[in-house]
């Protein structure tokens, strides 16, 4: 079992766990977030190289057979989408150092951003519909948390308009 296909979503999850306790220190949180994005970019590049040289890769996580285990699949499309997500994630993480204020960093911006990246990358690498649904839920919860993070009236109005 190769863990390379699981790293695109494991790295942001562990980065989110690392940035949450450090959220009181803006520079440390930003540095951890950038480090996680750089690491994810390196993994995405290695997956692109792996797919280009060896074709489509499929792995069963946990040692369970396909109907019961988690299937991760990397083909050309998913590898390129992972690479694009890693590049955009790194750019957003770099931009957030100058744009996100101290209050939102203390509320956990970097943790929610990394969870959003985990949901995006998990959606691209999953091999079945159930896990696609799970990763979409992770992505939606993180994006909703980022939407209402500051607690400003306009943010809460935007968040409440999502529900009928």
N, C-alpha and C. Protein backbone atom coordinates (compact mmCIF):
# COMPACT_ATOMS: atom_id res chain seq x y z
N UNK A 1 0.84 -1.18 0.00
CA UNK A 1 0.00 0.00 0.00
C UNK A 1 0.88 1.24 0.00
N UNK A 2 0.65 2.10 -0.97
CA UNK A 2 1.41 3.34 -1.08
C UNK A 2 0.59 4.48 -0.47
N UNK A 3 1.23 5.25 0.40
CA UNK A 3 0.56 6.37 1.04
C UNK A 3 0.67 7.64 0.22
N UNK A 4 1.33 7.57 -0.93
CA UNK A 4 1.51 8.78 -1.74
C UNK A 4 0.17 9.36 -2.18
N UNK A 5 -0.79 8.51 -2.51
CA UNK A 5 -2.09 9.01 -2.96
C UNK A 5 -2.92 9.59 -1.81
N UNK A 6 -2.60 9.23 -0.58
CA UNK A 6 -3.33 9.78 0.56
C UNK A 6 -2.74 11.09 1.05
N UNK A 7 -1.50 11.37 0.70
CA UNK A 7 -0.84 12.59 1.19
C UNK A 7 -1.49 13.90 0.75
N UNK A 8 -2.10 14.00 -0.44
CA UNK A 8 -2.71 15.28 -0.80
C UNK A 8 -3.82 15.74 0.14
N UNK A 9 -4.49 14.85 0.82
CA UNK A 9 -5.47 15.30 1.81
C UNK A 9 -4.98 15.13 3.24
N UNK A 10 -4.01 14.27 3.48
CA UNK A 10 -3.48 14.13 4.83
C UNK A 10 -2.61 15.33 5.24
N UNK A 11 -1.85 15.85 4.30
CA UNK A 11 -0.99 17.01 4.61
C UNK A 11 -1.82 18.22 5.04
N UNK A 12 -2.89 18.60 4.31
CA UNK A 12 -3.69 19.73 4.80
C UNK A 12 -4.40 19.45 6.12
N UNK A 13 -4.81 18.21 6.36
CA UNK A 13 -5.45 17.89 7.63
C UNK A 13 -4.47 18.08 8.78
N UNK A 14 -3.26 17.56 8.63
CA UNK A 14 -2.26 17.72 9.68
C UNK A 14 -1.81 19.18 9.81
N UNK A 15 -1.78 19.90 8.70
CA UNK A 15 -1.45 21.32 8.76
C UNK A 15 -2.54 22.09 9.50
N UNK A 16 -3.80 21.74 9.26
CA UNK A 16 -4.90 22.38 9.99
C UNK A 16 -4.80 22.10 11.48
N UNK A 17 -4.44 20.87 11.83
CA UNK A 17 -4.27 20.52 13.24
C UNK A 17 -3.09 21.27 13.86
N UNK A 18 -2.06 21.53 13.07
CA UNK A 18 -0.89 22.26 13.59
C UNK A 18 -1.15 23.75 13.71
N UNK A 19 -1.95 24.31 12.81
CA UNK A 19 -2.19 25.76 12.85
C UNK A 19 -3.24 26.15 13.87
N UNK A 20 -4.10 25.24 14.25
CA UNK A 20 -5.17 25.60 15.19
C UNK A 20 -4.64 26.02 16.56
N UNK A 21 -3.72 25.27 17.18
CA UNK A 21 -3.22 25.74 18.48
C UNK A 21 -2.36 27.00 18.38
N UNK A 22 -1.78 27.26 17.21
CA UNK A 22 -0.90 28.42 17.03
C UNK A 22 -1.64 29.62 16.48
N UNK A 23 -2.96 29.60 16.49
CA UNK A 23 -3.71 30.66 15.83
C UNK A 23 -3.57 32.02 16.48
N UNK A 24 -3.02 32.08 17.68
CA UNK A 24 -2.79 33.37 18.33
C UNK A 24 -1.60 34.11 17.76
N UNK A 25 -0.73 33.39 17.07
CA UNK A 25 0.46 34.00 16.48
C UNK A 25 0.33 33.98 14.96
N UNK A 26 0.13 35.15 14.40
CA UNK A 26 -0.18 35.29 12.98
C UNK A 26 0.94 34.78 12.08
N UNK A 27 2.18 35.15 12.36
CA UNK A 27 3.29 34.76 11.51
C UNK A 27 3.54 33.26 11.56
N UNK A 28 3.41 32.66 12.73
CA UNK A 28 3.60 31.21 12.85
C UNK A 28 2.51 30.46 12.10
N UNK A 29 1.28 30.90 12.24
CA UNK A 29 0.17 30.26 11.51
C UNK A 29 0.37 30.36 10.00
N UNK A 30 0.74 31.54 9.54
CA UNK A 30 0.97 31.73 8.12
C UNK A 30 2.13 30.90 7.62
N UNK A 31 3.18 30.81 8.40
CA UNK A 31 4.35 30.01 8.00
C UNK A 31 4.00 28.53 7.94
N UNK A 32 3.24 28.04 8.92
CA UNK A 32 2.82 26.64 8.90
C UNK A 32 1.92 26.36 7.70
N UNK A 33 1.04 27.28 7.40
CA UNK A 33 0.14 27.11 6.26
C UNK A 33 0.91 27.08 4.95
N UNK A 34 1.87 27.98 4.82
CA UNK A 34 2.70 28.00 3.60
C UNK A 34 3.53 26.72 3.50
N UNK A 35 4.09 26.28 4.62
CA UNK A 35 4.87 25.04 4.61
C UNK A 35 4.01 23.85 4.18
N UNK A 36 2.78 23.77 4.70
CA UNK A 36 1.88 22.70 4.29
C UNK A 36 1.54 22.76 2.81
N UNK A 37 1.36 23.97 2.29
CA UNK A 37 1.05 24.13 0.85
C UNK A 37 2.25 23.76 -0.02
N UNK A 38 3.44 24.12 0.42
CA UNK A 38 4.65 23.75 -0.34
C UNK A 38 4.82 22.24 -0.34
N UNK A 39 4.58 21.62 0.81
CA UNK A 39 4.66 20.16 0.90
C UNK A 39 3.61 19.50 0.01
N UNK A 40 2.41 20.06 0.00
CA UNK A 40 1.36 19.52 -0.86
C UNK A 40 1.70 19.71 -2.34
N UNK A 41 2.34 20.81 -2.68
CA UNK A 41 2.77 21.04 -4.06
C UNK A 41 3.80 20.01 -4.47
N UNK A 42 4.74 19.69 -3.58
CA UNK A 42 5.75 18.68 -3.90
C UNK A 42 5.11 17.31 -4.10
N UNK A 43 4.12 16.97 -3.28
CA UNK A 43 3.42 15.70 -3.43
C UNK A 43 2.62 15.68 -4.73
N UNK A 44 1.97 16.78 -5.07
CA UNK A 44 1.20 16.84 -6.31
C UNK A 44 2.11 16.69 -7.53
N UNK A 45 3.28 17.31 -7.49
CA UNK A 45 4.23 17.15 -8.59
C UNK A 45 4.68 15.69 -8.70
N UNK A 46 4.93 15.05 -7.57
CA UNK A 46 5.36 13.65 -7.62
C UNK A 46 4.23 12.74 -8.12
N UNK A 47 2.98 13.07 -7.81
CA UNK A 47 1.86 12.27 -8.33
C UNK A 47 1.72 12.47 -9.83
N UNK A 48 1.91 13.70 -10.31
CA UNK A 48 1.87 13.93 -11.76
C UNK A 48 2.95 13.12 -12.46
N UNK A 49 4.15 13.13 -11.90
CA UNK A 49 5.26 12.35 -12.49
C UNK A 49 4.94 10.87 -12.44
N UNK A 50 4.39 10.39 -11.32
CA UNK A 50 4.04 8.98 -11.19
C UNK A 50 3.00 8.55 -12.21
N UNK A 51 1.99 9.38 -12.42
CA UNK A 51 0.93 9.06 -13.38
C UNK A 51 1.45 9.12 -14.81
N UNK A 52 2.30 10.09 -15.10
CA UNK A 52 2.83 10.21 -16.46
C UNK A 52 3.76 9.05 -16.81
N UNK A 53 4.50 8.56 -15.84
CA UNK A 53 5.44 7.46 -16.13
C UNK A 53 4.80 6.09 -16.00
N UNK A 54 3.85 5.94 -15.07
CA UNK A 54 3.30 4.61 -14.82
C UNK A 54 1.84 4.43 -15.12
N UNK A 55 1.17 5.45 -15.62
CA UNK A 55 -0.25 5.35 -15.92
C UNK A 55 -1.11 5.56 -14.67
N UNK A 56 -2.38 5.24 -14.82
CA UNK A 56 -3.33 5.42 -13.73
C UNK A 56 -2.97 4.55 -12.54
N UNK A 57 -3.03 5.14 -11.35
CA UNK A 57 -2.71 4.42 -10.11
C UNK A 57 -3.97 4.32 -9.26
N UNK A 58 -4.18 3.15 -8.67
CA UNK A 58 -5.29 2.95 -7.74
C UNK A 58 -4.76 2.23 -6.51
N UNK A 59 -5.18 2.69 -5.36
CA UNK A 59 -4.75 2.10 -4.09
C UNK A 59 -5.95 1.88 -3.20
N UNK A 60 -5.90 0.81 -2.43
CA UNK A 60 -6.90 0.52 -1.42
C UNK A 60 -6.33 0.89 -0.06
N UNK A 61 -6.96 1.80 0.62
CA UNK A 61 -6.48 2.21 1.94
C UNK A 61 -7.06 1.29 3.01
N UNK A 62 -6.25 1.00 3.99
CA UNK A 62 -6.69 0.19 5.12
C UNK A 62 -6.68 -1.30 4.88
N UNK A 63 -6.29 -1.75 3.70
CA UNK A 63 -6.23 -3.17 3.43
C UNK A 63 -7.57 -3.84 3.21
N UNK A 64 -8.62 -3.07 3.02
CA UNK A 64 -9.94 -3.64 2.77
C UNK A 64 -10.19 -3.72 1.27
N UNK A 65 -11.02 -4.63 0.86
CA UNK A 65 -11.36 -4.78 -0.56
C UNK A 65 -12.22 -3.60 -1.02
N UNK A 66 -12.37 -3.46 -2.32
CA UNK A 66 -13.00 -2.30 -2.95
C UNK A 66 -14.39 -1.92 -2.44
N UNK A 67 -15.32 -2.81 -2.24
CA UNK A 67 -16.63 -2.30 -1.80
C UNK A 67 -16.62 -1.75 -0.37
N UNK A 68 -15.68 -2.19 0.46
CA UNK A 68 -15.67 -1.79 1.86
C UNK A 68 -14.57 -0.80 2.20
N UNK A 69 -13.48 -0.83 1.47
CA UNK A 69 -12.35 0.04 1.75
C UNK A 69 -12.45 1.36 1.01
N UNK A 70 -11.51 2.23 1.31
CA UNK A 70 -11.44 3.53 0.65
C UNK A 70 -10.52 3.39 -0.55
N UNK A 71 -11.05 3.64 -1.73
CA UNK A 71 -10.27 3.55 -2.95
C UNK A 71 -9.81 4.94 -3.36
N UNK A 72 -8.51 5.07 -3.58
CA UNK A 72 -7.94 6.32 -4.08
C UNK A 72 -7.40 6.06 -5.47
N UNK A 73 -7.74 6.93 -6.40
CA UNK A 73 -7.35 6.76 -7.80
C UNK A 73 -6.72 8.05 -8.30
N UNK A 74 -5.60 7.91 -8.98
CA UNK A 74 -4.95 9.06 -9.61
C UNK A 74 -4.76 8.76 -11.09
N UNK A 75 -5.43 9.53 -11.92
CA UNK A 75 -5.21 9.48 -13.36
C UNK A 75 -4.70 10.85 -13.79
N UNK A 76 -4.61 11.07 -15.09
CA UNK A 76 -4.06 12.34 -15.56
C UNK A 76 -4.88 13.54 -15.10
N UNK A 77 -6.20 13.43 -15.21
CA UNK A 77 -7.05 14.55 -14.83
C UNK A 77 -6.94 14.86 -13.34
N UNK A 78 -7.04 13.85 -12.51
CA UNK A 78 -6.98 14.09 -11.07
C UNK A 78 -5.60 14.59 -10.65
N UNK A 79 -4.54 14.09 -11.29
CA UNK A 79 -3.19 14.55 -10.96
C UNK A 79 -3.00 16.02 -11.34
N UNK A 80 -3.49 16.40 -12.50
CA UNK A 80 -3.38 17.80 -12.92
C UNK A 80 -4.24 18.70 -12.03
N UNK A 81 -5.43 18.24 -11.67
CA UNK A 81 -6.29 19.03 -10.79
C UNK A 81 -5.67 19.18 -9.39
N UNK A 82 -5.00 18.13 -8.91
CA UNK A 82 -4.27 18.24 -7.64
C UNK A 82 -3.16 19.27 -7.74
N UNK A 83 -2.45 19.25 -8.86
CA UNK A 83 -1.36 20.19 -9.06
C UNK A 83 -1.89 21.63 -9.11
N UNK A 84 -2.97 21.85 -9.83
CA UNK A 84 -3.57 23.18 -9.90
C UNK A 84 -4.05 23.63 -8.52
N UNK A 85 -4.67 22.73 -7.78
CA UNK A 85 -5.14 23.06 -6.43
C UNK A 85 -3.98 23.40 -5.50
N UNK A 86 -2.89 22.69 -5.62
CA UNK A 86 -1.72 22.97 -4.78
C UNK A 86 -1.12 24.33 -5.13
N UNK A 87 -1.06 24.65 -6.41
CA UNK A 87 -0.52 25.95 -6.82
C UNK A 87 -1.42 27.09 -6.33
N UNK A 88 -2.72 26.95 -6.54
CA UNK A 88 -3.66 27.98 -6.09
C UNK A 88 -3.65 28.08 -4.56
N UNK A 89 -3.58 26.95 -3.89
CA UNK A 89 -3.53 26.96 -2.42
C UNK A 89 -2.30 27.67 -1.90
N UNK A 90 -1.16 27.45 -2.54
CA UNK A 90 0.06 28.14 -2.13
C UNK A 90 -0.06 29.65 -2.37
N UNK A 91 -0.63 30.03 -3.51
CA UNK A 91 -0.80 31.46 -3.79
C UNK A 91 -1.75 32.12 -2.79
N UNK A 92 -2.85 31.44 -2.46
CA UNK A 92 -3.80 31.99 -1.49
C UNK A 92 -3.15 32.09 -0.11
N UNK A 93 -2.38 31.08 0.24
CA UNK A 93 -1.71 31.10 1.54
C UNK A 93 -0.70 32.24 1.63
N UNK A 94 0.02 32.47 0.55
CA UNK A 94 0.96 33.60 0.53
C UNK A 94 0.23 34.93 0.59
N UNK A 95 -0.85 35.05 -0.15
CA UNK A 95 -1.62 36.30 -0.16
C UNK A 95 -2.28 36.57 1.18
N UNK A 96 -2.65 35.50 1.88
CA UNK A 96 -3.34 35.68 3.16
C UNK A 96 -2.44 36.30 4.23
N UNK A 97 -1.12 36.21 4.05
CA UNK A 97 -0.22 36.83 5.02
C UNK A 97 -0.41 38.34 5.08
N UNK A 98 -0.72 38.94 3.95
CA UNK A 98 -0.89 40.39 3.94
C UNK A 98 -2.34 40.83 3.99
N UNK A 99 -3.27 39.96 3.68
CA UNK A 99 -4.66 40.39 3.55
C UNK A 99 -5.54 40.01 4.74
N UNK A 100 -5.30 38.89 5.37
CA UNK A 100 -6.16 38.45 6.47
C UNK A 100 -5.73 39.13 7.76
N UNK A 101 -6.69 39.74 8.42
CA UNK A 101 -6.36 40.48 9.65
C UNK A 101 -6.17 39.55 10.84
N UNK A 102 -5.64 40.12 11.90
CA UNK A 102 -5.28 39.36 13.10
C UNK A 102 -6.49 38.67 13.72
N UNK A 103 -7.63 39.31 13.69
CA UNK A 103 -8.83 38.75 14.30
C UNK A 103 -9.26 37.46 13.61
N UNK A 104 -9.22 37.45 12.30
CA UNK A 104 -9.63 36.25 11.57
C UNK A 104 -8.60 35.13 11.70
N UNK A 105 -7.33 35.49 11.85
CA UNK A 105 -6.31 34.48 12.10
C UNK A 105 -6.57 33.83 13.45
N UNK A 106 -6.92 34.63 14.45
CA UNK A 106 -7.22 34.08 15.79
C UNK A 106 -8.46 33.21 15.77
N UNK A 107 -9.38 33.49 14.88
CA UNK A 107 -10.59 32.67 14.78
C UNK A 107 -10.36 31.37 14.00
N UNK A 108 -9.18 31.20 13.42
CA UNK A 108 -8.84 29.94 12.78
C UNK A 108 -8.89 29.93 11.27
N UNK A 109 -8.60 31.07 10.64
CA UNK A 109 -8.65 31.14 9.18
C UNK A 109 -7.79 30.06 8.53
N UNK A 110 -6.54 29.94 8.98
CA UNK A 110 -5.61 29.01 8.33
C UNK A 110 -6.04 27.55 8.51
N UNK A 111 -6.61 27.23 9.65
CA UNK A 111 -7.10 25.87 9.87
C UNK A 111 -8.25 25.55 8.93
N UNK A 112 -9.20 26.46 8.82
CA UNK A 112 -10.33 26.23 7.92
C UNK A 112 -9.89 26.22 6.46
N UNK A 113 -8.94 27.05 6.12
CA UNK A 113 -8.42 27.06 4.75
C UNK A 113 -7.76 25.72 4.41
N UNK A 114 -6.98 25.19 5.34
CA UNK A 114 -6.34 23.90 5.11
C UNK A 114 -7.37 22.77 5.02
N UNK A 115 -8.42 22.84 5.82
CA UNK A 115 -9.48 21.84 5.72
C UNK A 115 -10.21 21.94 4.38
N UNK A 116 -10.36 23.16 3.88
CA UNK A 116 -10.94 23.34 2.55
C UNK A 116 -10.06 22.69 1.49
N UNK A 117 -8.74 22.89 1.60
CA UNK A 117 -7.82 22.23 0.66
C UNK A 117 -7.89 20.71 0.77
N UNK A 118 -8.03 20.21 1.99
CA UNK A 118 -8.15 18.76 2.18
C UNK A 118 -9.40 18.23 1.49
N UNK A 119 -10.51 18.96 1.60
CA UNK A 119 -11.73 18.55 0.93
C UNK A 119 -11.61 18.57 -0.58
N UNK A 120 -10.96 19.60 -1.10
CA UNK A 120 -10.78 19.70 -2.55
C UNK A 120 -9.89 18.56 -3.05
N UNK A 121 -8.77 18.34 -2.39
CA UNK A 121 -7.84 17.30 -2.83
C UNK A 121 -8.43 15.90 -2.64
N UNK A 122 -9.16 15.70 -1.54
CA UNK A 122 -9.83 14.42 -1.34
C UNK A 122 -10.87 14.15 -2.41
N UNK A 123 -11.58 15.19 -2.83
CA UNK A 123 -12.57 15.03 -3.90
C UNK A 123 -11.93 14.64 -5.22
N UNK A 124 -10.75 15.17 -5.48
CA UNK A 124 -10.08 14.86 -6.74
C UNK A 124 -9.48 13.46 -6.76
N UNK A 125 -9.10 12.92 -5.62
CA UNK A 125 -8.34 11.67 -5.59
C UNK A 125 -9.20 10.46 -5.22
N UNK A 126 -10.44 10.69 -4.80
CA UNK A 126 -11.26 9.56 -4.37
C UNK A 126 -11.70 8.71 -5.56
N UNK A 127 -12.00 7.46 -5.27
CA UNK A 127 -12.35 6.53 -6.34
C UNK A 127 -13.77 6.03 -6.29
N UNK A 128 -14.60 6.54 -5.36
CA UNK A 128 -15.98 6.09 -5.31
C UNK A 128 -16.91 7.25 -4.93
N UNK A 129 -18.19 7.07 -5.16
CA UNK A 129 -19.15 8.16 -4.95
C UNK A 129 -19.39 8.46 -3.48
N UNK A 130 -19.36 7.45 -2.63
CA UNK A 130 -19.59 7.72 -1.21
C UNK A 130 -18.51 8.64 -0.65
N UNK A 131 -17.25 8.34 -0.93
CA UNK A 131 -16.17 9.17 -0.42
C UNK A 131 -16.13 10.53 -1.11
N UNK A 132 -16.60 10.61 -2.35
CA UNK A 132 -16.74 11.91 -3.00
C UNK A 132 -17.74 12.77 -2.23
N UNK A 133 -18.83 12.16 -1.81
CA UNK A 133 -19.82 12.87 -0.99
C UNK A 133 -19.19 13.32 0.34
N UNK A 134 -18.41 12.46 0.98
CA UNK A 134 -17.77 12.82 2.24
C UNK A 134 -16.82 14.00 2.05
N UNK A 135 -16.01 13.97 1.00
CA UNK A 135 -15.06 15.06 0.78
C UNK A 135 -15.77 16.35 0.39
N UNK A 136 -16.90 16.24 -0.33
CA UNK A 136 -17.69 17.44 -0.62
C UNK A 136 -18.22 18.06 0.67
N UNK A 137 -18.64 17.22 1.61
CA UNK A 137 -19.12 17.73 2.89
C UNK A 137 -18.01 18.43 3.66
N UNK A 138 -16.81 17.86 3.67
CA UNK A 138 -15.68 18.50 4.32
C UNK A 138 -15.42 19.87 3.68
N UNK A 139 -15.45 19.88 2.36
CA UNK A 139 -15.22 21.12 1.63
C UNK A 139 -16.32 22.15 1.92
N UNK A 140 -17.56 21.73 1.96
CA UNK A 140 -18.66 22.67 2.20
C UNK A 140 -18.65 23.21 3.63
N UNK A 141 -18.35 22.37 4.60
CA UNK A 141 -18.31 22.84 5.98
C UNK A 141 -17.19 23.86 6.16
N UNK A 142 -16.03 23.56 5.58
CA UNK A 142 -14.90 24.50 5.70
C UNK A 142 -15.19 25.81 4.97
N UNK A 143 -15.81 25.74 3.81
CA UNK A 143 -16.12 26.97 3.07
C UNK A 143 -17.18 27.79 3.80
N UNK A 144 -18.15 27.13 4.42
CA UNK A 144 -19.16 27.85 5.19
C UNK A 144 -18.52 28.52 6.40
N UNK A 145 -17.60 27.81 7.06
CA UNK A 145 -16.90 28.41 8.21
C UNK A 145 -16.07 29.60 7.78
N UNK A 146 -15.43 29.53 6.63
CA UNK A 146 -14.66 30.67 6.13
C UNK A 146 -15.57 31.83 5.75
N UNK A 147 -16.76 31.53 5.29
CA UNK A 147 -17.70 32.57 4.89
C UNK A 147 -18.16 33.40 6.09
N UNK A 148 -18.42 32.76 7.21
CA UNK A 148 -18.95 33.48 8.38
C UNK A 148 -17.89 33.71 9.45
N UNK A 149 -16.63 33.56 9.12
CA UNK A 149 -15.56 33.55 10.11
C UNK A 149 -15.46 34.83 10.92
N UNK A 150 -15.58 35.98 10.31
CA UNK A 150 -15.41 37.23 11.05
C UNK A 150 -16.58 37.58 11.93
N UNK A 151 -17.75 37.08 11.60
CA UNK A 151 -18.93 37.42 12.38
C UNK A 151 -19.51 38.78 12.07
N UNK A 152 -19.03 39.42 11.00
CA UNK A 152 -19.60 40.70 10.59
C UNK A 152 -21.02 40.48 10.07
N UNK A 153 -21.79 41.54 10.10
CA UNK A 153 -23.20 41.42 9.69
C UNK A 153 -23.32 40.93 8.25
N UNK A 154 -22.52 41.48 7.35
CA UNK A 154 -22.63 41.09 5.94
C UNK A 154 -22.22 39.62 5.74
N UNK A 155 -21.27 39.14 6.54
CA UNK A 155 -20.88 37.74 6.45
C UNK A 155 -21.99 36.83 6.96
N UNK A 156 -22.58 37.20 8.07
CA UNK A 156 -23.67 36.39 8.62
C UNK A 156 -24.89 36.42 7.72
N UNK A 157 -25.14 37.56 7.07
CA UNK A 157 -26.24 37.61 6.11
C UNK A 157 -25.94 36.70 4.92
N UNK A 158 -24.70 36.68 4.46
CA UNK A 158 -24.32 35.78 3.37
C UNK A 158 -24.43 34.33 3.78
N UNK A 159 -24.09 34.04 5.00
CA UNK A 159 -24.20 32.67 5.49
C UNK A 159 -25.63 32.23 5.71
N UNK A 160 -26.48 33.15 6.15
CA UNK A 160 -27.87 32.77 6.38
C UNK A 160 -28.64 32.66 5.08
N UNK A 161 -28.18 33.30 4.03
CA UNK A 161 -28.89 33.20 2.75
C UNK A 161 -28.62 31.85 2.08
N UNK A 162 -27.69 31.08 2.64
CA UNK A 162 -27.44 29.73 2.10
C UNK A 162 -28.52 28.78 2.50
N UNK A 163 -29.26 29.11 3.57
CA UNK A 163 -30.31 28.22 4.06
C UNK A 163 -31.66 28.83 3.74
N UNK A 164 -32.57 28.04 3.19
CA UNK A 164 -33.90 28.62 2.84
C UNK A 164 -34.73 28.94 4.04
